[in-house]
Amino acid sequence: MRTSPSSPIRSLRQAGTVLRACRTARKLSQKQLGEMTGTAQSTISDIENGVVSASLDVYLRLLEALGAELSATNRVTDRESS
């Protein structure tokens, strides 16, 4: 499987965008992902649209089903990159 570049997540909307990209790359519908994880399709839609904040447990369960993972890195500031 090809690895995808990491995407910084600094907002609910960005988290939803990353989740949607992972799901569509796997060619899964929201309903299929929901069935795999025990999460309502409407909840997945709300998460992907940045409308609702999912618990870390739910977000990790969704990512695991998609073969993705969450990681944290130090944020590079403009001052550090100069």
PDB file of N, CA and C in Angstrom:
ATOM      1  N   MET A   1       0.843  -1.190   0.000  1.00  0.00           N
ATOM      2  CA  MET A   1       0.000   0.000   0.000  1.00  0.00           C
ATOM      3  C   MET A   1       0.879   1.241   0.000  1.00  0.00           C
ATOM      4  N   ARG A   2       0.481   2.207  -0.759  1.00  0.00           N
ATOM      5  CA  ARG A   2       1.220   3.464  -0.849  1.00  0.00           C
ATOM      6  C   ARG A   2       0.947   4.303   0.380  1.00  0.00           C
ATOM      7  N   THR A   3       1.991   4.917   0.913  1.00  0.00           N
ATOM      8  CA  THR A   3       1.801   5.791   2.072  1.00  0.00           C
ATOM      9  C   THR A   3       1.445   7.182   1.580  1.00  0.00           C
ATOM     10  N   SER A   4       0.619   7.860   2.345  1.00  0.00           N
ATOM     11  CA  SER A   4       0.218   9.212   1.972  1.00  0.00           C
ATOM     12  C   SER A   4       0.999  10.210   2.815  1.00  0.00           C
ATOM     13  N   PRO A   5       1.178  11.409   2.293  1.00  0.00           N
ATOM     14  CA  PRO A   5       1.893  12.418   3.080  1.00  0.00           C
ATOM     15  C   PRO A   5       1.084  12.795   4.306  1.00  0.00           C
ATOM     16  N   SER A   6       1.778  13.182   5.355  1.00  0.00           N
ATOM     17  CA  SER A   6       1.066  13.583   6.553  1.00  0.00           C
ATOM     18  C   SER A   6       0.427  14.946   6.341  1.00  0.00           C
ATOM     19  N   SER A   7      -0.665  15.151   7.023  1.00  0.00           N
ATOM     20  CA  SER A   7      -1.395  16.404   6.913  1.00  0.00           C
ATOM     21  C   SER A   7      -1.511  17.019   8.293  1.00  0.00           C
ATOM     22  N   PRO A   8      -1.100  18.283   8.447  1.00  0.00           N
ATOM     23  CA  PRO A   8      -1.269  18.908   9.765  1.00  0.00           C
ATOM     24  C   PRO A   8      -2.750  19.094  10.075  1.00  0.00           C
ATOM     25  N   ILE A   9      -3.112  18.816  11.300  1.00  0.00           N
ATOM     26  CA  ILE A   9      -4.502  18.979  11.734  1.00  0.00           C
ATOM     27  C   ILE A   9      -4.508  19.962  12.881  1.00  0.00           C
ATOM     28  N   ARG A  10      -5.120  21.111  12.634  1.00  0.00           N
ATOM     29  CA  ARG A  10      -5.183  22.152  13.660  1.00  0.00           C
ATOM     30  C   ARG A  10      -6.609  22.633  13.915  1.00  0.00           C
ATOM     31  N   SER A  11      -7.580  21.940  13.304  1.00  0.00           N
ATOM     32  CA  SER A  11      -8.973  22.318  13.524  1.00  0.00           C
ATOM     33  C   SER A  11      -9.867  21.104  13.276  1.00  0.00           C
ATOM     34  N   LEU A  12     -11.101  21.194  13.733  1.00  0.00           N
ATOM     35  CA  LEU A  12     -12.064  20.126  13.483  1.00  0.00           C
ATOM     36  C   LEU A  12     -12.277  19.921  11.994  1.00  0.00           C
ATOM     37  N   ARG A  13     -12.316  21.008  11.244  1.00  0.00           N
ATOM     38  CA  ARG A  13     -12.528  20.919   9.798  1.00  0.00           C
ATOM     39  C   ARG A  13     -11.378  20.174   9.124  1.00  0.00           C
ATOM     40  N   GLN A  14     -10.146  20.463   9.533  1.00  0.00           N
ATOM     41  CA  GLN A  14      -8.992  19.765   8.956  1.00  0.00           C
ATOM     42  C   GLN A  14      -9.018  18.279   9.323  1.00  0.00           C
ATOM     43  N   ALA A  15      -9.396  17.959  10.554  1.00  0.00           N
ATOM     44  CA  ALA A  15      -9.497  16.559  10.968  1.00  0.00           C
ATOM     45  C   ALA A  15     -10.529  15.835  10.114  1.00  0.00           C
ATOM     46  N   GLY A  16     -11.637  16.491   9.853  1.00  0.00           N
ATOM     47  CA  GLY A  16     -12.675  15.898   9.012  1.00  0.00           C
ATOM     48  C   GLY A  16     -12.221  15.698   7.579  1.00  0.00           C
ATOM     49  N   THR A  17     -11.469  16.663   7.070  1.00  0.00           N
ATOM     50  CA  THR A  17     -10.954  16.572   5.700  1.00  0.00           C
ATOM     51  C   THR A  17      -9.998  15.390   5.564  1.00  0.00           C
ATOM     52  N   VAL A  18      -9.142  15.205   6.551  1.00  0.00           N
ATOM     53  CA  VAL A  18      -8.199  14.086   6.526  1.00  0.00           C
ATOM     54  C   VAL A  18      -8.954  12.767   6.614  1.00  0.00           C
ATOM     55  N   LEU A  19      -9.942  12.690   7.492  1.00  0.00           N
ATOM     56  CA  LEU A  19     -10.734  11.474   7.621  1.00  0.00           C
ATOM     57  C   LEU A  19     -11.438  11.155   6.303  1.00  0.00           C
ATOM     58  N   ARG A  20     -12.045  12.152   5.674  1.00  0.00           N
ATOM     59  CA  ARG A  20     -12.730  11.945   4.390  1.00  0.00           C
ATOM     60  C   ARG A  20     -11.750  11.454   3.326  1.00  0.00           C
ATOM     61  N   ALA A  21     -10.563  12.054   3.276  1.00  0.00           N
ATOM     62  CA  ALA A  21      -9.564  11.648   2.275  1.00  0.00           C
ATOM     63  C   ALA A  21      -9.154  10.193   2.479  1.00  0.00           C
ATOM     64  N   CYS A  22      -8.964   9.790   3.724  1.00  0.00           N
ATOM     65  CA  CYS A  22      -8.617   8.392   4.016  1.00  0.00           C
ATOM     66  C   CYS A  22      -9.746   7.454   3.601  1.00  0.00           C
ATOM     67  N   ARG A  23     -10.976   7.855   3.905  1.00  0.00           N
ATOM     68  CA  ARG A  23     -12.130   7.015   3.589  1.00  0.00           C
ATOM     69  C   ARG A  23     -12.319   6.876   2.084  1.00  0.00           C
ATOM     70  N   THR A  24     -12.235   7.974   1.367  1.00  0.00           N
ATOM     71  CA  THR A  24     -12.444   7.912  -0.082  1.00  0.00           C
ATOM     72  C   THR A  24     -11.293   7.192  -0.782  1.00  0.00           C
ATOM     73  N   ALA A  25     -10.079   7.301  -0.238  1.00  0.00           N
ATOM     74  CA  ALA A  25      -8.941   6.566  -0.809  1.00  0.00           C
ATOM     75  C   ALA A  25      -9.166   5.057  -0.695  1.00  0.00           C
ATOM     76  N   ARG A  26      -9.871   4.651   0.344  1.00  0.00           N
ATOM     77  CA  ARG A  26     -10.197   3.234   0.551  1.00  0.00           C
ATOM     78  C   ARG A  26     -11.474   2.827  -0.192  1.00  0.00           C
ATOM     79  N   LYS A  27     -12.077   3.798  -0.886  1.00  0.00           N
ATOM     80  CA  LYS A  27     -13.311   3.567  -1.642  1.00  0.00           C
ATOM     81  C   LYS A  27     -14.440   3.020  -0.756  1.00  0.00           C
ATOM     82  N   LEU A  28     -14.569   3.627   0.416  1.00  0.00           N
ATOM     83  CA  LEU A  28     -15.624   3.258   1.346  1.00  0.00           C
ATOM     84  C   LEU A  28     -16.636   4.378   1.454  1.00  0.00           C
ATOM     85  N   SER A  29     -17.880   4.023   1.600  1.00  0.00           N
ATOM     86  CA  SER A  29     -18.912   5.022   1.873  1.00  0.00           C
ATOM     87  C   SER A  29     -18.926   5.299   3.374  1.00  0.00           C
ATOM     88  N   GLN A  30     -19.584   6.379   3.744  1.00  0.00           N
ATOM     89  CA  GLN A  30     -19.735   6.671   5.166  1.00  0.00           C
ATOM     90  C   GLN A  30     -20.498   5.543   5.853  1.00  0.00           C
ATOM     91  N   LYS A  31     -21.489   4.999   5.175  1.00  0.00           N
ATOM     92  CA  LYS A  31     -22.282   3.913   5.741  1.00  0.00           C
ATOM     93  C   LYS A  31     -21.415   2.681   5.978  1.00  0.00           C
ATOM     94  N   GLN A  32     -20.568   2.332   5.010  1.00  0.00           N
ATOM     95  CA  GLN A  32     -19.691   1.171   5.170  1.00  0.00           C
ATOM     96  C   GLN A  32     -18.727   1.361   6.343  1.00  0.00           C
ATOM     97  N   LEU A  33     -18.123   2.556   6.433  1.00  0.00           N
ATOM     98  CA  LEU A  33     -17.219   2.839   7.539  1.00  0.00           C
ATOM     99  C   LEU A  33     -17.963   2.759   8.866  1.00  0.00           C
ATOM    100  N   GLY A  34     -19.168   3.271   8.884  1.00  0.00           N
ATOM    101  CA  GLY A  34     -19.981   3.205  10.093  1.00  0.00           C
ATOM    102  C   GLY A  34     -20.276   1.782  10.518  1.00  0.00           C
ATOM    103  N   GLU A  35     -20.579   0.939   9.557  1.00  0.00           N
ATOM    104  CA  GLU A  35     -20.840  -0.469   9.873  1.00  0.00           C
ATOM    105  C   GLU A  35     -19.590  -1.160  10.405  1.00  0.00           C
ATOM    106  N   MET A  36     -18.424  -0.801   9.885  1.00  0.00           N
ATOM    107  CA  MET A  36     -17.158  -1.401  10.324  1.00  0.00           C
ATOM    108  C   MET A  36     -16.807  -0.999  11.754  1.00  0.00           C
ATOM    109  N   THR A  37     -17.231   0.200  12.165  1.00  0.00           N
ATOM    110  CA  THR A  37     -16.790   0.766  13.441  1.00  0.00           C
ATOM    111  C   THR A  37     -17.893   0.934  14.479  1.00  0.00           C
ATOM    112  N   GLY A  38     -19.125   0.653  14.097  1.00  0.00           N
ATOM    113  CA  GLY A  38     -20.233   0.857  15.026  1.00  0.00           C
ATOM    114  C   GLY A  38     -20.551   2.326  15.241  1.00  0.00           C
ATOM    115  N   THR A  39     -20.268   3.140  14.220  1.00  0.00           N
ATOM    116  CA  THR A  39     -20.510   4.584  14.280  1.00  0.00           C
ATOM    117  C   THR A  39     -21.608   4.943  13.292  1.00  0.00           C
ATOM    118  N   ALA A  40     -22.548   5.762  13.704  1.00  0.00           N
ATOM    119  CA  ALA A  40     -23.637   6.151  12.815  1.00  0.00           C
ATOM    120  C   ALA A  40     -23.108   6.921  11.605  1.00  0.00           C
ATOM    121  N   GLN A  41     -23.698   6.683  10.439  1.00  0.00           N
ATOM    122  CA  GLN A  41     -23.303   7.386   9.214  1.00  0.00           C
ATOM    123  C   GLN A  41     -23.433   8.883   9.399  1.00  0.00           C
ATOM    124  N   SER A  42     -24.472   9.321  10.081  1.00  0.00           N
ATOM    125  CA  SER A  42     -24.672  10.758  10.298  1.00  0.00           C
ATOM    126  C   SER A  42     -23.548  11.354  11.149  1.00  0.00           C
ATOM    127  N   THR A  43     -23.036  10.583  12.089  1.00  0.00           N
ATOM    128  CA  THR A  43     -21.917  11.048  12.914  1.00  0.00           C
ATOM    129  C   THR A  43     -20.658  11.199  12.073  1.00  0.00           C
ATOM    130  N   ILE A  44     -20.403  10.231  11.201  1.00  0.00           N
ATOM    131  CA  ILE A  44     -19.240  10.313  10.312  1.00  0.00           C
ATOM    132  C   ILE A  44     -19.360  11.532   9.412  1.00  0.00           C
ATOM    133  N   SER A  45     -20.543  11.780   8.896  1.00  0.00           N
ATOM    134  CA  SER A  45     -20.773  12.966   8.062  1.00  0.00           C
ATOM    135  C   SER A  45     -20.484  14.240   8.841  1.00  0.00           C
ATOM    136  N   ASP A  46     -20.981  14.320  10.061  1.00  0.00           N
ATOM    137  CA  ASP A  46     -20.749  15.504  10.897  1.00  0.00           C
ATOM    138  C   ASP A  46     -19.259  15.692  11.190  1.00  0.00           C
ATOM    139  N   ILE A  47     -18.552  14.597  11.467  1.00  0.00           N
ATOM    140  CA  ILE A  47     -17.110  14.685  11.730  1.00  0.00           C
ATOM    141  C   ILE A  47     -16.389  15.175  10.482  1.00  0.00           C
ATOM    142  N   GLU A  48     -16.702  14.591   9.330  1.00  0.00           N
ATOM    143  CA  GLU A  48     -16.043  14.969   8.083  1.00  0.00           C
ATOM    144  C   GLU A  48     -16.299  16.418   7.698  1.00  0.00           C
ATOM    145  N   ASN A  49     -17.450  16.939   8.090  1.00  0.00           N
ATOM    146  CA  ASN A  49     -17.784  18.330   7.780  1.00  0.00           C
ATOM    147  C   ASN A  49     -17.340  19.304   8.863  1.00  0.00           C
ATOM    148  N   GLY A  50     -16.683  18.801   9.903  1.00  0.00           N
ATOM    149  CA  GLY A  50     -16.198  19.662  10.973  1.00  0.00           C
ATOM    150  C   GLY A  50     -17.301  20.251  11.818  1.00  0.00           C
ATOM    151  N   VAL A  51     -18.473  19.613  11.803  1.00  0.00           N
ATOM    152  CA  VAL A  51     -19.633  20.126  12.531  1.00  0.00           C
ATOM    153  C   VAL A  51     -19.617  19.688  13.985  1.00  0.00           C
ATOM    154  N   VAL A  52     -19.046  18.517  14.237  1.00  0.00           N
ATOM    155  CA  VAL A  52     -19.074  17.960  15.578  1.00  0.00           C
ATOM    156  C   VAL A  52     -17.677  17.476  15.952  1.00  0.00           C
ATOM    157  N   SER A  53     -17.357  17.589  17.202  1.00  0.00           N
ATOM    158  CA  SER A  53     -16.084  17.104  17.722  1.00  0.00           C
ATOM    159  C   SER A  53     -16.275  15.661  18.170  1.00  0.00           C
ATOM    160  N   ALA A  54     -15.514  14.757  17.581  1.00  0.00           N
ATOM    161  CA  ALA A  54     -15.580  13.350  17.988  1.00  0.00           C
ATOM    162  C   ALA A  54     -14.627  13.132  19.143  1.00  0.00           C
ATOM    163  N   SER A  55     -14.966  12.183  19.989  1.00  0.00           N
ATOM    164  CA  SER A  55     -14.020  11.835  21.047  1.00  0.00           C
ATOM    165  C   SER A  55     -12.785  11.230  20.387  1.00  0.00           C
ATOM    166  N   LEU A  56     -11.683  11.292  21.072  1.00  0.00           N
ATOM    167  CA  LEU A  56     -10.452  10.717  20.547  1.00  0.00           C
ATOM    168  C   LEU A  56     -10.643   9.235  20.277  1.00  0.00           C
ATOM    169  N   ASP A  57     -11.381   8.550  21.143  1.00  0.00           N
ATOM    170  CA  ASP A  57     -11.656   7.130  20.981  1.00  0.00           C
ATOM    171  C   ASP A  57     -12.351   6.856  19.645  1.00  0.00           C
ATOM    172  N   VAL A  58     -13.360   7.632  19.315  1.00  0.00           N
ATOM    173  CA  VAL A  58     -14.100   7.444  18.062  1.00  0.00           C
ATOM    174  C   VAL A  58     -13.198   7.742  16.873  1.00  0.00           C
ATOM    175  N   TYR A  59     -12.464   8.845  16.927  1.00  0.00           N
ATOM    176  CA  TYR A  59     -11.592   9.225  15.817  1.00  0.00           C
ATOM    177  C   TYR A  59     -10.528   8.153  15.585  1.00  0.00           C
ATOM    178  N   LEU A  60      -9.930   7.631  16.657  1.00  0.00           N
ATOM    179  CA  LEU A  60      -8.924   6.583  16.523  1.00  0.00           C
ATOM    180  C   LEU A  60      -9.525   5.298  15.960  1.00  0.00           C
ATOM    181  N   ARG A  61     -10.737   4.978  16.375  1.00  0.00           N
ATOM    182  CA  ARG A  61     -11.413   3.779  15.856  1.00  0.00           C
ATOM    183  C   ARG A  61     -11.668   3.925  14.354  1.00  0.00           C
ATOM    184  N   LEU A  62     -12.079   5.111  13.918  1.00  0.00           N
ATOM    185  CA  LEU A  62     -12.307   5.354  12.493  1.00  0.00           C
ATOM    186  C   LEU A  62     -11.005   5.252  11.711  1.00  0.00           C
ATOM    187  N   LEU A  63      -9.946   5.877  12.231  1.00  0.00           N
ATOM    188  CA  LEU A  63      -8.652   5.816  11.551  1.00  0.00           C
ATOM    189  C   LEU A  63      -8.122   4.389  11.480  1.00  0.00           C
ATOM    190  N   GLU A  64      -8.278   3.635  12.564  1.00  0.00           N
ATOM    191  CA  GLU A  64      -7.804   2.250  12.567  1.00  0.00           C
ATOM    192  C   GLU A  64      -8.509   1.440  11.478  1.00  0.00           C
ATOM    193  N   ALA A  65      -9.811   1.619  11.352  1.00  0.00           N
ATOM    194  CA  ALA A  65     -10.568   0.895  10.328  1.00  0.00           C
ATOM    195  C   ALA A  65     -10.106   1.275   8.919  1.00  0.00           C
ATOM    196  N   LEU A  66      -9.566   2.475   8.780  1.00  0.00           N
ATOM    197  CA  LEU A  66      -9.093   2.954   7.489  1.00  0.00           C
ATOM    198  C   LEU A  66      -7.613   2.654   7.254  1.00  0.00           C
ATOM    199  N   GLY A  67      -6.980   2.005   8.214  1.00  0.00           N
ATOM    200  CA  GLY A  67      -5.561   1.692   8.082  1.00  0.00           C
ATOM    201  C   GLY A  67      -4.669   2.906   8.243  1.00  0.00           C
ATOM    202  N   ALA A  68      -5.151   3.888   8.984  1.00  0.00           N
ATOM    203  CA  ALA A  68      -4.396   5.123   9.215  1.00  0.00           C
ATOM    204  C   ALA A  68      -4.124   5.250  10.711  1.00  0.00           C
ATOM    205  N   GLU A  69      -3.288   6.199  11.050  1.00  0.00           N
ATOM    206  CA  GLU A  69      -2.996   6.429  12.464  1.00  0.00           C
ATOM    207  C   GLU A  69      -2.817   7.907  12.727  1.00  0.00           C
ATOM    208  N   LEU A  70      -2.910   8.253  13.977  1.00  0.00           N
ATOM    209  CA  LEU A  70      -2.737   9.624  14.437  1.00  0.00           C
ATOM    210  C   LEU A  70      -1.339   9.758  15.019  1.00  0.00           C
ATOM    211  N   SER A  71      -0.646  10.827  14.666  1.00  0.00           N
ATOM    212  CA  SER A  71       0.666  11.079  15.272  1.00  0.00           C
ATOM    213  C   SER A  71       0.777  12.563  15.580  1.00  0.00           C
ATOM    214  N   ALA A  72       1.672  12.874  16.491  1.00  0.00           N
ATOM    215  CA  ALA A  72       1.882  14.267  16.882  1.00  0.00           C
ATOM    216  C   ALA A  72       3.335  14.639  16.630  1.00  0.00           C
ATOM    217  N   THR A  73       3.546  15.846  16.140  1.00  0.00           N
ATOM    218  CA  THR A  73       4.885  16.357  15.909  1.00  0.00           C
ATOM    219  C   THR A  73       4.969  17.773  16.454  1.00  0.00           C
ATOM    220  N   ASN A  74       6.166  18.243  16.645  1.00  0.00           N
ATOM    221  CA  ASN A  74       6.345  19.629  17.061  1.00  0.00           C
ATOM    222  C   ASN A  74       5.995  20.533  15.893  1.00  0.00           C
ATOM    223  N   ARG A  75       5.298  21.590  16.181  1.00  0.00           N
ATOM    224  CA  ARG A  75       4.925  22.561  15.169  1.00  0.00           C
ATOM    225  C   ARG A  75       6.138  23.415  14.838  1.00  0.00           C
ATOM    226  N   VAL A  76       6.438  23.552  13.567  1.00  0.00           N
ATOM    227  CA  VAL A  76       7.541  24.399  13.121  1.00  0.00           C
ATOM    228  C   VAL A  76       7.007  25.809  12.969  1.00  0.00           C
ATOM    229  N   THR A  77       7.664  26.757  13.627  1.00  0.00           N
ATOM    230  CA  THR A  77       7.258  28.154  13.521  1.00  0.00           C
ATOM    231  C   THR A  77       8.129  28.857  12.506  1.00  0.00           C
ATOM    232  N   ASP A  78       7.685  30.005  12.040  1.00  0.00           N
ATOM    233  CA  ASP A  78       8.468  30.795  11.082  1.00  0.00           C
ATOM    234  C   ASP A  78       9.855  31.122  11.634  1.00  0.00           C
ATOM    235  N   ARG A  79       9.931  31.419  12.912  1.00  0.00           N
ATOM    236  CA  ARG A  79      11.196  31.760  13.551  1.00  0.00           C
ATOM    237  C   ARG A  79      12.165  30.574  13.521  1.00  0.00           C
ATOM    238  N   GLU A  80      11.637  29.345  13.736  1.00  0.00           N
ATOM    239  CA  GLU A  80      12.491  28.166  13.741  1.00  0.00           C
ATOM    240  C   GLU A  80      12.979  27.790  12.361  1.00  0.00           C
ATOM    241  N   SER A  81      12.207  28.083  11.330  1.00  0.00           N
ATOM    242  CA  SER A  81      12.585  27.666   9.978  1.00  0.00           C
ATOM    243  C   SER A  81      13.575  28.639   9.326  1.00  0.00           C
ATOM    244  N   SER A  82      13.860  29.763   9.943  1.00  0.00           N
ATOM    245  CA  SER A  82      14.796  30.746   9.383  1.00  0.00           C
ATOM    246  C   SER A  82      16.213  30.431   9.748  1.00  0.00           C
TER     247      SER A  82
END
